[in-house]
PDB file of all heavy atoms in Angstrom:
ATOM      1  N   ASN A   1       0.822  -1.204  -0.006  1.00  0.00           N
ATOM      2  CA  ASN A   1       0.007  -0.001  -0.007  1.00  0.00           C
ATOM      3  C   ASN A   1       0.860   1.262  -0.001  1.00  0.00           C
ATOM      4  O   ASN A   1       0.527   2.238  -0.694  1.00  0.00           O
ATOM      5  CB  ASN A   1      -0.941  -0.010   1.194  1.00  0.00           C
ATOM      6  CG  ASN A   1      -2.033  -1.040   1.041  1.00  0.00           C
ATOM      7  OD1 ASN A   1      -2.413  -1.420  -0.056  1.00  0.00           O
ATOM      8  ND2 ASN A   1      -2.521  -1.543   2.171  1.00  0.00           N
ATOM      9  N   ASN A   2       1.960   1.253   0.732  1.00  0.00           N
ATOM     10  CA  ASN A   2       2.845   2.405   0.744  1.00  0.00           C
ATOM     11  C   ASN A   2       3.477   2.655  -0.607  1.00  0.00           C
ATOM     12  O   ASN A   2       3.527   3.810  -1.083  1.00  0.00           O
ATOM     13  CB  ASN A   2       3.939   2.237   1.813  1.00  0.00           C
ATOM     14  CG  ASN A   2       3.390   2.336   3.208  1.00  0.00           C
ATOM     15  OD1 ASN A   2       2.334   2.930   3.456  1.00  0.00           O
ATOM     16  ND2 ASN A   2       4.098   1.753   4.153  1.00  0.00           N
ATOM     17  N   VAL A   3       3.978   1.600  -1.245  1.00  0.00           N
ATOM     18  CA  VAL A   3       4.609   1.773  -2.559  1.00  0.00           C
ATOM     19  C   VAL A   3       3.571   2.197  -3.587  1.00  0.00           C
ATOM     20  O   VAL A   3       3.828   3.066  -4.426  1.00  0.00           O
ATOM     21  CB  VAL A   3       5.315   0.477  -3.000  1.00  0.00           C
ATOM     22  CG1 VAL A   3       5.836   0.574  -4.434  1.00  0.00           C
ATOM     23  CG2 VAL A   3       6.455   0.135  -2.051  1.00  0.00           C
ATOM     24  N   TYR A   4       2.389   1.627  -3.517  1.00  0.00           N
ATOM     25  CA  TYR A   4       1.303   1.967  -4.448  1.00  0.00           C
ATOM     26  C   TYR A   4       0.922   3.455  -4.300  1.00  0.00           C
ATOM     27  O   TYR A   4       0.811   4.168  -5.299  1.00  0.00           O
ATOM     28  CB  TYR A   4       0.103   1.062  -4.189  1.00  0.00           C
ATOM     29  CG  TYR A   4      -1.086   1.318  -5.092  1.00  0.00           C
ATOM     30  CD1 TYR A   4      -1.008   1.058  -6.458  1.00  0.00           C
ATOM     31  CD2 TYR A   4      -2.275   1.805  -4.579  1.00  0.00           C
ATOM     32  CE1 TYR A   4      -2.106   1.268  -7.294  1.00  0.00           C
ATOM     33  CE2 TYR A   4      -3.366   2.010  -5.402  1.00  0.00           C
ATOM     34  CZ  TYR A   4      -3.279   1.738  -6.747  1.00  0.00           C
ATOM     35  OH  TYR A   4      -4.357   1.951  -7.571  1.00  0.00           O
ATOM     36  N   ARG A   5       0.751   3.935  -3.076  1.00  0.00           N
ATOM     37  CA  ARG A   5       0.430   5.345  -2.851  1.00  0.00           C
ATOM     38  C   ARG A   5       1.557   6.253  -3.376  1.00  0.00           C
ATOM     39  O   ARG A   5       1.292   7.279  -3.983  1.00  0.00           O
ATOM     40  CB  ARG A   5       0.168   5.609  -1.370  1.00  0.00           C
ATOM     41  CG  ARG A   5      -1.226   5.245  -0.928  1.00  0.00           C
ATOM     42  CD  ARG A   5      -1.547   5.796   0.455  1.00  0.00           C
ATOM     43  NE  ARG A   5      -0.801   5.171   1.526  1.00  0.00           N
ATOM     44  CZ  ARG A   5      -1.140   4.057   2.132  1.00  0.00           C
ATOM     45  NH1 ARG A   5      -2.234   3.430   1.792  1.00  0.00           N
ATOM     46  NH2 ARG A   5      -0.392   3.559   3.097  1.00  0.00           N
ATOM     47  N   GLU A   6       2.791   5.856  -3.115  1.00  0.00           N
ATOM     48  CA  GLU A   6       3.928   6.653  -3.597  1.00  0.00           C
ATOM     49  C   GLU A   6       3.934   6.691  -5.131  1.00  0.00           C
ATOM     50  O   GLU A   6       4.168   7.751  -5.721  1.00  0.00           O
ATOM     51  CB  GLU A   6       5.243   6.089  -3.079  1.00  0.00           C
ATOM     52  CG  GLU A   6       6.443   6.924  -3.465  1.00  0.00           C
ATOM     53  CD  GLU A   6       7.759   6.382  -2.920  1.00  0.00           C
ATOM     54  OE1 GLU A   6       7.771   5.360  -2.197  1.00  0.00           O
ATOM     55  OE2 GLU A   6       8.796   7.009  -3.227  1.00  0.00           O
ATOM     56  N   LEU A   7       3.673   5.560  -5.737  1.00  0.00           N
ATOM     57  CA  LEU A   7       3.640   5.491  -7.209  1.00  0.00           C
ATOM     58  C   LEU A   7       2.551   6.406  -7.764  1.00  0.00           C
ATOM     59  O   LEU A   7       2.793   7.170  -8.715  1.00  0.00           O
ATOM     60  CB  LEU A   7       3.427   4.041  -7.650  1.00  0.00           C
ATOM     61  CG  LEU A   7       3.353   3.773  -9.156  1.00  0.00           C
ATOM     62  CD1 LEU A   7       4.611   4.268  -9.866  1.00  0.00           C
ATOM     63  CD2 LEU A   7       3.140   2.288  -9.384  1.00  0.00           C
ATOM     64  N   LEU A   8       1.361   6.327  -7.177  1.00  0.00           N
ATOM     65  CA  LEU A   8       0.264   7.203  -7.648  1.00  0.00           C
ATOM     66  C   LEU A   8       0.611   8.678  -7.446  1.00  0.00           C
ATOM     67  O   LEU A   8       0.294   9.513  -8.304  1.00  0.00           O
ATOM     68  CB  LEU A   8      -1.041   6.854  -6.924  1.00  0.00           C
ATOM     69  CG  LEU A   8      -1.664   5.514  -7.291  1.00  0.00           C
ATOM     70  CD1 LEU A   8      -2.914   5.279  -6.441  1.00  0.00           C
ATOM     71  CD2 LEU A   8      -2.003   5.457  -8.777  1.00  0.00           C
ATOM     72  N   SER A   9       1.268   8.979  -6.358  1.00  0.00           N
ATOM     73  CA  SER A   9       1.653  10.355  -6.074  1.00  0.00           C
ATOM     74  C   SER A   9       2.660  10.856  -7.115  1.00  0.00           C
ATOM     75  O   SER A   9       2.540  11.973  -7.606  1.00  0.00           O
ATOM     76  CB  SER A   9       2.236  10.462  -4.669  1.00  0.00           C
ATOM     77  OG  SER A   9       2.729  11.745  -4.420  1.00  0.00           O
ATOM     78  N   LYS A  10       3.650  10.039  -7.418  1.00  0.00           N
ATOM     79  CA  LYS A  10       4.682  10.424  -8.391  1.00  0.00           C
ATOM     80  C   LYS A  10       4.121  10.577  -9.797  1.00  0.00           C
ATOM     81  O   LYS A  10       4.616  11.371 -10.577  1.00  0.00           O
ATOM     82  CB  LYS A  10       5.826   9.401  -8.399  1.00  0.00           C
ATOM     83  CG  LYS A  10       6.567   9.293  -7.118  1.00  0.00           C
ATOM     84  CD  LYS A  10       7.620  10.351  -6.978  1.00  0.00           C
ATOM     85  CE  LYS A  10       8.414  10.108  -5.709  1.00  0.00           C
ATOM     86  NZ  LYS A  10       9.574  10.899  -5.603  1.00  0.00           N
ATOM     87  N   ALA A  11       3.084   9.812 -10.108  1.00  0.00           N
ATOM     88  CA  ALA A  11       2.496   9.842 -11.442  1.00  0.00           C
ATOM     89  C   ALA A  11       1.293  10.775 -11.528  1.00  0.00           C
ATOM     90  O   ALA A  11       0.651  10.852 -12.566  1.00  0.00           O
ATOM     91  CB  ALA A  11       2.091   8.431 -11.855  1.00  0.00           C
ATOM     92  N   ALA A  12       1.010  11.498 -10.455  1.00  0.00           N
ATOM     93  CA  ALA A  12      -0.221  12.295 -10.362  1.00  0.00           C
ATOM     94  C   ALA A  12      -0.392  13.303 -11.498  1.00  0.00           C
ATOM     95  O   ALA A  12      -1.520  13.605 -11.890  1.00  0.00           O
ATOM     96  CB  ALA A  12      -0.281  13.002  -9.007  1.00  0.00           C
ATOM     97  N   ASP A  13       0.711  13.808 -12.037  1.00  0.00           N
ATOM     98  CA  ASP A  13       0.602  14.796 -13.108  1.00  0.00           C
ATOM     99  C   ASP A  13       0.380  14.164 -14.494  1.00  0.00           C
ATOM    100  O   ASP A  13       0.321  14.857 -15.489  1.00  0.00           O
ATOM    101  CB  ASP A  13       1.839  15.707 -13.131  1.00  0.00           C
ATOM    102  CG  ASP A  13       3.129  14.931 -13.386  1.00  0.00           C
ATOM    103  OD1 ASP A  13       3.143  13.695 -13.217  1.00  0.00           O
ATOM    104  OD2 ASP A  13       4.139  15.582 -13.756  1.00  0.00           O
ATOM    105  N   GLN A  14       0.226  12.826 -14.519  1.00  0.00           N
ATOM    106  CA  GLN A  14      -0.019  12.099 -15.755  1.00  0.00           C
ATOM    107  C   GLN A  14      -1.284  11.241 -15.587  1.00  0.00           C
ATOM    108  O   GLN A  14      -1.208  10.074 -15.238  1.00  0.00           O
ATOM    109  CB  GLN A  14       1.174  11.203 -16.103  1.00  0.00           C
ATOM    110  CG  GLN A  14       2.478  11.974 -16.263  1.00  0.00           C
ATOM    111  CD  GLN A  14       3.635  11.038 -16.492  1.00  0.00           C
ATOM    112  OE1 GLN A  14       3.536  10.062 -17.233  1.00  0.00           O
ATOM    113  NE2 GLN A  14       4.760  11.320 -15.827  1.00  0.00           N
ATOM    114  N   PRO A  15      -2.454  11.828 -15.837  1.00  0.00           N
ATOM    115  CA  PRO A  15      -3.711  11.117 -15.586  1.00  0.00           C
ATOM    116  C   PRO A  15      -3.817   9.765 -16.309  1.00  0.00           C
ATOM    117  O   PRO A  15      -4.387   8.815 -15.749  1.00  0.00           O
ATOM    118  CB  PRO A  15      -4.779  12.082 -16.096  1.00  0.00           C
ATOM    119  CG  PRO A  15      -4.114  13.423 -16.119  1.00  0.00           C
ATOM    120  CD  PRO A  15      -2.656  13.176 -16.330  1.00  0.00           C
ATOM    121  N   GLU A  16      -3.292   9.666 -17.506  1.00  0.00           N
ATOM    122  CA  GLU A  16      -3.349   8.387 -18.227  1.00  0.00           C
ATOM    123  C   GLU A  16      -2.527   7.329 -17.515  1.00  0.00           C
ATOM    124  O   GLU A  16      -2.916   6.165 -17.427  1.00  0.00           O
ATOM    125  CB  GLU A  16      -2.882   8.553 -19.665  1.00  0.00           C
ATOM    126  CG  GLU A  16      -3.889   9.242 -20.551  1.00  0.00           C
ATOM    127  CD  GLU A  16      -3.441   9.301 -22.003  1.00  0.00           C
ATOM    128  OE1 GLU A  16      -2.716   8.393 -22.463  1.00  0.00           O
ATOM    129  OE2 GLU A  16      -3.854  10.259 -22.685  1.00  0.00           O
ATOM    130  N   ALA A  17      -1.356   7.733 -17.006  1.00  0.00           N
ATOM    131  CA  ALA A  17      -0.501   6.804 -16.279  1.00  0.00           C
ATOM    132  C   ALA A  17      -1.196   6.337 -15.000  1.00  0.00           C
ATOM    133  O   ALA A  17      -1.168   5.142 -14.681  1.00  0.00           O
ATOM    134  CB  ALA A  17       0.843   7.443 -15.972  1.00  0.00           C
ATOM    135  N   VAL A  18      -1.807   7.270 -14.295  1.00  0.00           N
ATOM    136  CA  VAL A  18      -2.503   6.914 -13.052  1.00  0.00           C
ATOM    137  C   VAL A  18      -3.622   5.909 -13.350  1.00  0.00           C
ATOM    138  O   VAL A  18      -3.762   4.899 -12.633  1.00  0.00           O
ATOM    139  CB  VAL A  18      -3.077   8.178 -12.355  1.00  0.00           C
ATOM    140  CG1 VAL A  18      -4.031   7.799 -11.228  1.00  0.00           C
ATOM    141  CG2 VAL A  18      -1.937   9.033 -11.821  1.00  0.00           C
ATOM    142  N   ALA A  19      -4.373   6.140 -14.404  1.00  0.00           N
ATOM    143  CA  ALA A  19      -5.456   5.216 -14.780  1.00  0.00           C
ATOM    144  C   ALA A  19      -4.909   3.831 -15.098  1.00  0.00           C
ATOM    145  O   ALA A  19      -5.489   2.803 -14.700  1.00  0.00           O
ATOM    146  CB  ALA A  19      -6.238   5.771 -15.953  1.00  0.00           C
ATOM    147  N   LYS A  20      -3.777   3.780 -15.777  1.00  0.00           N
ATOM    148  CA  LYS A  20      -3.185   2.494 -16.142  1.00  0.00           C
ATOM    149  C   LYS A  20      -2.589   1.792 -14.926  1.00  0.00           C
ATOM    150  O   LYS A  20      -2.665   0.557 -14.819  1.00  0.00           O
ATOM    151  CB  LYS A  20      -2.146   2.693 -17.244  1.00  0.00           C
ATOM    152  CG  LYS A  20      -2.814   3.049 -18.558  1.00  0.00           C
ATOM    153  CD  LYS A  20      -1.829   3.279 -19.671  1.00  0.00           C
ATOM    154  CE  LYS A  20      -2.609   3.648 -20.935  1.00  0.00           C
ATOM    155  NZ  LYS A  20      -1.758   3.787 -22.085  1.00  0.00           N
ATOM    156  N   ILE A  21      -2.009   2.553 -14.036  1.00  0.00           N
ATOM    157  CA  ILE A  21      -1.476   1.963 -12.791  1.00  0.00           C
ATOM    158  C   ILE A  21      -2.623   1.359 -11.970  1.00  0.00           C
ATOM    159  O   ILE A  21      -2.518   0.225 -11.472  1.00  0.00           O
ATOM    160  CB  ILE A  21      -0.704   3.011 -11.973  1.00  0.00           C
ATOM    161  CG1 ILE A  21       0.586   3.411 -12.709  1.00  0.00           C
ATOM    162  CG2 ILE A  21      -0.409   2.499 -10.565  1.00  0.00           C
ATOM    163  CD1 ILE A  21       1.240   4.678 -12.160  1.00  0.00           C
ATOM    164  N   LYS A  22      -3.709   2.107 -11.858  1.00  0.00           N
ATOM    165  CA  LYS A  22      -4.884   1.601 -11.113  1.00  0.00           C
ATOM    166  C   LYS A  22      -5.455   0.355 -11.777  1.00  0.00           C
ATOM    167  O   LYS A  22      -5.827  -0.609 -11.077  1.00  0.00           O
ATOM    168  CB  LYS A  22      -5.955   2.693 -10.987  1.00  0.00           C
ATOM    169  CG  LYS A  22      -5.569   3.779 -10.013  1.00  0.00           C
ATOM    170  CD  LYS A  22      -6.645   4.829  -9.907  1.00  0.00           C
ATOM    171  CE  LYS A  22      -6.286   5.917  -8.897  1.00  0.00           C
ATOM    172  NZ  LYS A  22      -7.334   6.921  -8.739  1.00  0.00           N
ATOM    173  N   ALA A  23      -5.518   0.353 -13.081  1.00  0.00           N
ATOM    174  CA  ALA A  23      -6.044  -0.817 -13.820  1.00  0.00           C
ATOM    175  C   ALA A  23      -5.135  -2.030 -13.608  1.00  0.00           C
ATOM    176  O   ALA A  23      -5.606  -3.170 -13.408  1.00  0.00           O
ATOM    177  CB  ALA A  23      -6.188  -0.506 -15.303  1.00  0.00           C
ATOM    178  N   ALA A  24      -3.822  -1.789 -13.634  1.00  0.00           N
ATOM    179  CA  ALA A  24      -2.872  -2.886 -13.417  1.00  0.00           C
ATOM    180  C   ALA A  24      -2.995  -3.459 -12.011  1.00  0.00           C
ATOM    181  O   ALA A  24      -2.961  -4.673 -11.825  1.00  0.00           O
ATOM    182  CB  ALA A  24      -1.451  -2.399 -13.678  1.00  0.00           C
ATOM    183  N   GLU A  25      -3.162  -2.586 -11.037  1.00  0.00           N
ATOM    184  CA  GLU A  25      -3.279  -3.058  -9.651  1.00  0.00           C
ATOM    185  C   GLU A  25      -4.590  -3.835  -9.454  1.00  0.00           C
ATOM    186  O   GLU A  25      -4.606  -4.879  -8.787  1.00  0.00           O
ATOM    187  CB  GLU A  25      -3.203  -1.886  -8.667  1.00  0.00           C
ATOM    188  CG  GLU A  25      -3.052  -2.304  -7.233  1.00  0.00           C
ATOM    189  CD  GLU A  25      -1.724  -2.991  -6.918  1.00  0.00           C
ATOM    190  OE1 GLU A  25      -0.810  -3.054  -7.773  1.00  0.00           O
ATOM    191  OE2 GLU A  25      -1.610  -3.508  -5.793  1.00  0.00           O
ATOM    192  N   LYS A  26      -5.658  -3.357 -10.061  1.00  0.00           N
ATOM    193  CA  LYS A  26      -6.932  -4.083  -9.985  1.00  0.00           C
ATOM    194  C   LYS A  26      -6.800  -5.469 -10.630  1.00  0.00           C
ATOM    195  O   LYS A  26      -7.292  -6.450 -10.092  1.00  0.00           O
ATOM    196  CB  LYS A  26      -8.030  -3.265 -10.660  1.00  0.00           C
ATOM    197  CG  LYS A  26      -9.396  -3.862 -10.560  1.00  0.00           C
ATOM    198  CD  LYS A  26     -10.439  -2.951 -11.199  1.00  0.00           C
ATOM    199  CE  LYS A  26     -11.815  -3.568 -11.069  1.00  0.00           C
ATOM    200  NZ  LYS A  26     -12.853  -2.732 -11.678  1.00  0.00           N
ATOM    201  N   ALA A  27      -6.116  -5.533 -11.761  1.00  0.00           N
ATOM    202  CA  ALA A  27      -5.898  -6.813 -12.441  1.00  0.00           C
ATOM    203  C   ALA A  27      -5.026  -7.721 -11.590  1.00  0.00           C
ATOM    204  O   ALA A  27      -5.251  -8.951 -11.539  1.00  0.00           O
ATOM    205  CB  ALA A  27      -5.274  -6.587 -13.804  1.00  0.00           C
ATOM    206  N   TRP A  28      -4.012  -7.153 -10.920  1.00  0.00           N
ATOM    207  CA  TRP A  28      -3.155  -7.965 -10.077  1.00  0.00           C
ATOM    208  C   TRP A  28      -3.946  -8.567  -8.912  1.00  0.00           C
ATOM    209  O   TRP A  28      -3.759  -9.737  -8.573  1.00  0.00           O
ATOM    210  CB  TRP A  28      -1.968  -7.150  -9.541  1.00  0.00           C
ATOM    211  CG  TRP A  28      -1.187  -7.981  -8.574  1.00  0.00           C
ATOM    212  CD1 TRP A  28      -0.290  -8.966  -8.884  1.00  0.00           C
ATOM    213  CD2 TRP A  28      -1.299  -7.978  -7.152  1.00  0.00           C
ATOM    214  NE1 TRP A  28       0.162  -9.562  -7.733  1.00  0.00           N
ATOM    215  CE2 TRP A  28      -0.424  -8.965  -6.656  1.00  0.00           C
ATOM    216  CE3 TRP A  28      -2.040  -7.216  -6.243  1.00  0.00           C
ATOM    217  CZ2 TRP A  28      -0.277  -9.231  -5.294  1.00  0.00           C
ATOM    218  CZ3 TRP A  28      -1.885  -7.481  -4.889  1.00  0.00           C
ATOM    219  CH2 TRP A  28      -1.023  -8.473  -4.431  1.00  0.00           C
ATOM    220  N   ILE A  29      -4.812  -7.780  -8.321  1.00  0.00           N
ATOM    221  CA  ILE A  29      -5.634  -8.299  -7.212  1.00  0.00           C
ATOM    222  C   ILE A  29      -6.490  -9.475  -7.698  1.00  0.00           C
ATOM    223  O   ILE A  29      -6.597 -10.495  -7.021  1.00  0.00           O
ATOM    224  CB  ILE A  29      -6.505  -7.173  -6.596  1.00  0.00           C
ATOM    225  CG1 ILE A  29      -5.589  -6.196  -5.845  1.00  0.00           C
ATOM    226  CG2 ILE A  29      -7.572  -7.744  -5.658  1.00  0.00           C
ATOM    227  CD1 ILE A  29      -6.273  -4.892  -5.435  1.00  0.00           C
ATOM    228  N   ALA A  30      -7.074  -9.333  -8.875  1.00  0.00           N
ATOM    229  CA  ALA A  30      -7.878 -10.439  -9.442  1.00  0.00           C
ATOM    230  C   ALA A  30      -6.993 -11.664  -9.683  1.00  0.00           C
ATOM    231  O   ALA A  30      -7.395 -12.787  -9.387  1.00  0.00           O
ATOM    232  CB  ALA A  30      -8.549  -9.982 -10.731  1.00  0.00           C
ATOM    233  N   TYR A  31      -5.791 -11.438 -10.215  1.00  0.00           N
ATOM    234  CA  TYR A  31      -4.854 -12.535 -10.441  1.00  0.00           C
ATOM    235  C   TYR A  31      -4.474 -13.220  -9.118  1.00  0.00           C
ATOM    236  O   TYR A  31      -4.510 -14.446  -9.010  1.00  0.00           O
ATOM    237  CB  TYR A  31      -3.582 -12.019 -11.129  1.00  0.00           C
ATOM    238  CG  TYR A  31      -2.423 -12.976 -11.024  1.00  0.00           C
ATOM    239  CD1 TYR A  31      -2.345 -14.098 -11.842  1.00  0.00           C
ATOM    240  CD2 TYR A  31      -1.424 -12.798 -10.062  1.00  0.00           C
ATOM    241  CE1 TYR A  31      -1.309 -15.002 -11.720  1.00  0.00           C
ATOM    242  CE2 TYR A  31      -0.386 -13.696  -9.945  1.00  0.00           C
ATOM    243  CZ  TYR A  31      -0.325 -14.794 -10.766  1.00  0.00           C
ATOM    244  OH  TYR A  31       0.699 -15.692 -10.633  1.00  0.00           O
ATOM    245  N   ARG A  32      -4.127 -12.408  -8.121  1.00  0.00           N
ATOM    246  CA  ARG A  32      -3.730 -12.960  -6.823  1.00  0.00           C
ATOM    247  C   ARG A  32      -4.838 -13.845  -6.247  1.00  0.00           C
ATOM    248  O   ARG A  32      -4.593 -14.956  -5.799  1.00  0.00           O
ATOM    249  CB  ARG A  32      -3.406 -11.821  -5.840  1.00  0.00           C
ATOM    250  CG  ARG A  32      -3.043 -12.292  -4.442  1.00  0.00           C
ATOM    251  CD  ARG A  32      -3.280 -11.252  -3.381  1.00  0.00           C
ATOM    252  NE  ARG A  32      -4.691 -10.900  -3.321  1.00  0.00           N
ATOM    253  CZ  ARG A  32      -5.152  -9.739  -2.832  1.00  0.00           C
ATOM    254  NH1 ARG A  32      -4.310  -8.827  -2.370  1.00  0.00           N
ATOM    255  NH2 ARG A  32      -6.448  -9.501  -2.800  1.00  0.00           N
ATOM    256  N   ASP A  33      -6.064 -13.318  -6.276  1.00  0.00           N
ATOM    257  CA  ASP A  33      -7.177 -14.077  -5.720  1.00  0.00           C
ATOM    258  C   ASP A  33      -7.438 -15.358  -6.517  1.00  0.00           C
ATOM    259  O   ASP A  33      -7.705 -16.416  -5.927  1.00  0.00           O
ATOM    260  CB  ASP A  33      -8.420 -13.208  -5.658  1.00  0.00           C
ATOM    261  CG  ASP A  33      -8.282 -12.062  -4.658  1.00  0.00           C
ATOM    262  OD1 ASP A  33      -7.336 -12.070  -3.838  1.00  0.00           O
ATOM    263  OD2 ASP A  33      -9.130 -11.135  -4.704  1.00  0.00           O
ATOM    264  N   ALA A  34      -7.351 -15.275  -7.840  1.00  0.00           N
ATOM    265  CA  ALA A  34      -7.580 -16.452  -8.682  1.00  0.00           C
ATOM    266  C   ALA A  34      -6.465 -17.478  -8.471  1.00  0.00           C
ATOM    267  O   ALA A  34      -6.722 -18.701  -8.425  1.00  0.00           O
ATOM    268  CB  ALA A  34      -7.664 -16.047 -10.149  1.00  0.00           C
ATOM    269  N   TYR A  35      -5.239 -17.000  -8.314  1.00  0.00           N
ATOM    270  CA  TYR A  35      -4.113 -17.901  -8.083  1.00  0.00           C
ATOM    271  C   TYR A  35      -4.292 -18.657  -6.769  1.00  0.00           C
ATOM    272  O   TYR A  35      -4.071 -19.863  -6.687  1.00  0.00           O
ATOM    273  CB  TYR A  35      -2.813 -17.099  -8.084  1.00  0.00           C
ATOM    274  CG  TYR A  35      -1.563 -17.957  -8.014  1.00  0.00           C
ATOM    275  CD1 TYR A  35      -0.928 -18.384  -9.171  1.00  0.00           C
ATOM    276  CD2 TYR A  35      -1.028 -18.343  -6.781  1.00  0.00           C
ATOM    277  CE1 TYR A  35       0.216 -19.169  -9.131  1.00  0.00           C
ATOM    278  CE2 TYR A  35       0.098 -19.129  -6.725  1.00  0.00           C
ATOM    279  CZ  TYR A  35       0.729 -19.536  -7.882  1.00  0.00           C
ATOM    280  OH  TYR A  35       1.862 -20.329  -7.813  1.00  0.00           O
ATOM    281  N   MET A  36      -4.685 -17.922  -5.760  1.00  0.00           N
ATOM    282  CA  MET A  36      -4.896 -18.560  -4.448  1.00  0.00           C
ATOM    283  C   MET A  36      -6.036 -19.566  -4.518  1.00  0.00           C
ATOM    284  O   MET A  36      -5.950 -20.643  -3.931  1.00  0.00           O
ATOM    285  CB  MET A  36      -5.137 -17.493  -3.377  1.00  0.00           C
ATOM    286  CG  MET A  36      -3.863 -16.697  -3.107  1.00  0.00           C
ATOM    287  SD  MET A  36      -3.956 -15.607  -1.707  1.00  0.00           S
ATOM    288  CE  MET A  36      -4.059 -16.781  -0.354  1.00  0.00           C
ATOM    289  N   ASP A  37      -7.099 -19.240  -5.251  1.00  0.00           N
ATOM    290  CA  ASP A  37      -8.202 -20.176  -5.424  1.00  0.00           C
ATOM    291  C   ASP A  37      -7.742 -21.425  -6.178  1.00  0.00           C
ATOM    292  O   ASP A  37      -8.193 -22.524  -5.890  1.00  0.00           O
ATOM    293  CB  ASP A  37      -9.370 -19.526  -6.171  1.00  0.00           C
ATOM    294  CG  ASP A  37     -10.162 -18.593  -5.302  1.00  0.00           C
ATOM    295  OD1 ASP A  37     -10.069 -18.671  -4.061  1.00  0.00           O
ATOM    296  OD2 ASP A  37     -10.919 -17.771  -5.861  1.00  0.00           O
ATOM    297  N   ALA A  38      -6.842 -21.239  -7.143  1.00  0.00           N
ATOM    298  CA  ALA A  38      -6.317 -22.383  -7.892  1.00  0.00           C
ATOM    299  C   ALA A  38      -5.428 -23.250  -7.001  1.00  0.00           C
ATOM    300  O   ALA A  38      -5.440 -24.488  -7.134  1.00  0.00           O
ATOM    301  CB  ALA A  38      -5.552 -21.906  -9.123  1.00  0.00           C
ATOM    302  N   MET A  39      -4.665 -22.622  -6.137  1.00  0.00           N
ATOM    303  CA  MET A  39      -3.796 -23.381  -5.236  1.00  0.00           C
ATOM    304  C   MET A  39      -4.592 -24.163  -4.192  1.00  0.00           C
ATOM    305  O   MET A  39      -4.195 -25.259  -3.797  1.00  0.00           O
ATOM    306  CB  MET A  39      -2.828 -22.444  -4.514  1.00  0.00           C
ATOM    307  CG  MET A  39      -1.675 -21.957  -5.380  1.00  0.00           C
ATOM    308  SD  MET A  39      -0.557 -23.261  -5.901  1.00  0.00           S
ATOM    309  CE  MET A  39       0.244 -23.672  -4.345  1.00  0.00           C
ATOM    310  N   TYR A  40      -5.705 -23.595  -3.764  1.00  0.00           N
ATOM    311  CA  TYR A  40      -6.541 -24.205  -2.745  1.00  0.00           C
ATOM    312  C   TYR A  40      -7.988 -24.239  -3.241  1.00  0.00           C
ATOM    313  O   TYR A  40      -8.818 -23.447  -2.808  1.00  0.00           O
ATOM    314  CB  TYR A  40      -6.442 -23.423  -1.423  1.00  0.00           C
ATOM    315  CG  TYR A  40      -5.032 -23.354  -0.900  1.00  0.00           C
ATOM    316  CD1 TYR A  40      -4.241 -22.223  -1.055  1.00  0.00           C
ATOM    317  CD2 TYR A  40      -4.475 -24.464  -0.257  1.00  0.00           C
ATOM    318  CE1 TYR A  40      -2.944 -22.190  -0.581  1.00  0.00           C
ATOM    319  CE2 TYR A  40      -3.169 -24.437   0.220  1.00  0.00           C
ATOM    320  CZ  TYR A  40      -2.413 -23.292   0.053  1.00  0.00           C
ATOM    321  OH  TYR A  40      -1.132 -23.258   0.528  1.00  0.00           O
ATOM    322  N   PRO A  41      -8.300 -25.147  -4.172  1.00  0.00           N
ATOM    323  CA  PRO A  41      -9.599 -25.138  -4.837  1.00  0.00           C
ATOM    324  C   PRO A  41     -10.774 -25.717  -4.033  1.00  0.00           C
ATOM    325  O   PRO A  41     -11.926 -25.478  -4.404  1.00  0.00           O
ATOM    326  CB  PRO A  41      -9.352 -25.975  -6.096  1.00  0.00           C
ATOM    327  CG  PRO A  41      -8.267 -26.913  -5.701  1.00  0.00           C
ATOM    328  CD  PRO A  41      -7.389 -26.128  -4.772  1.00  0.00           C
TER     329      PRO A  41
END
């Protein structure tokens, strides 16, 4: 969470970058959850 907030802060002047960072993080959360479900089905 700290690194993510810092990243968003550093990219704040680039709205497209912020949107892509947020999309990537949302996709990673979905991946993490799906991976864990696959490991423990």
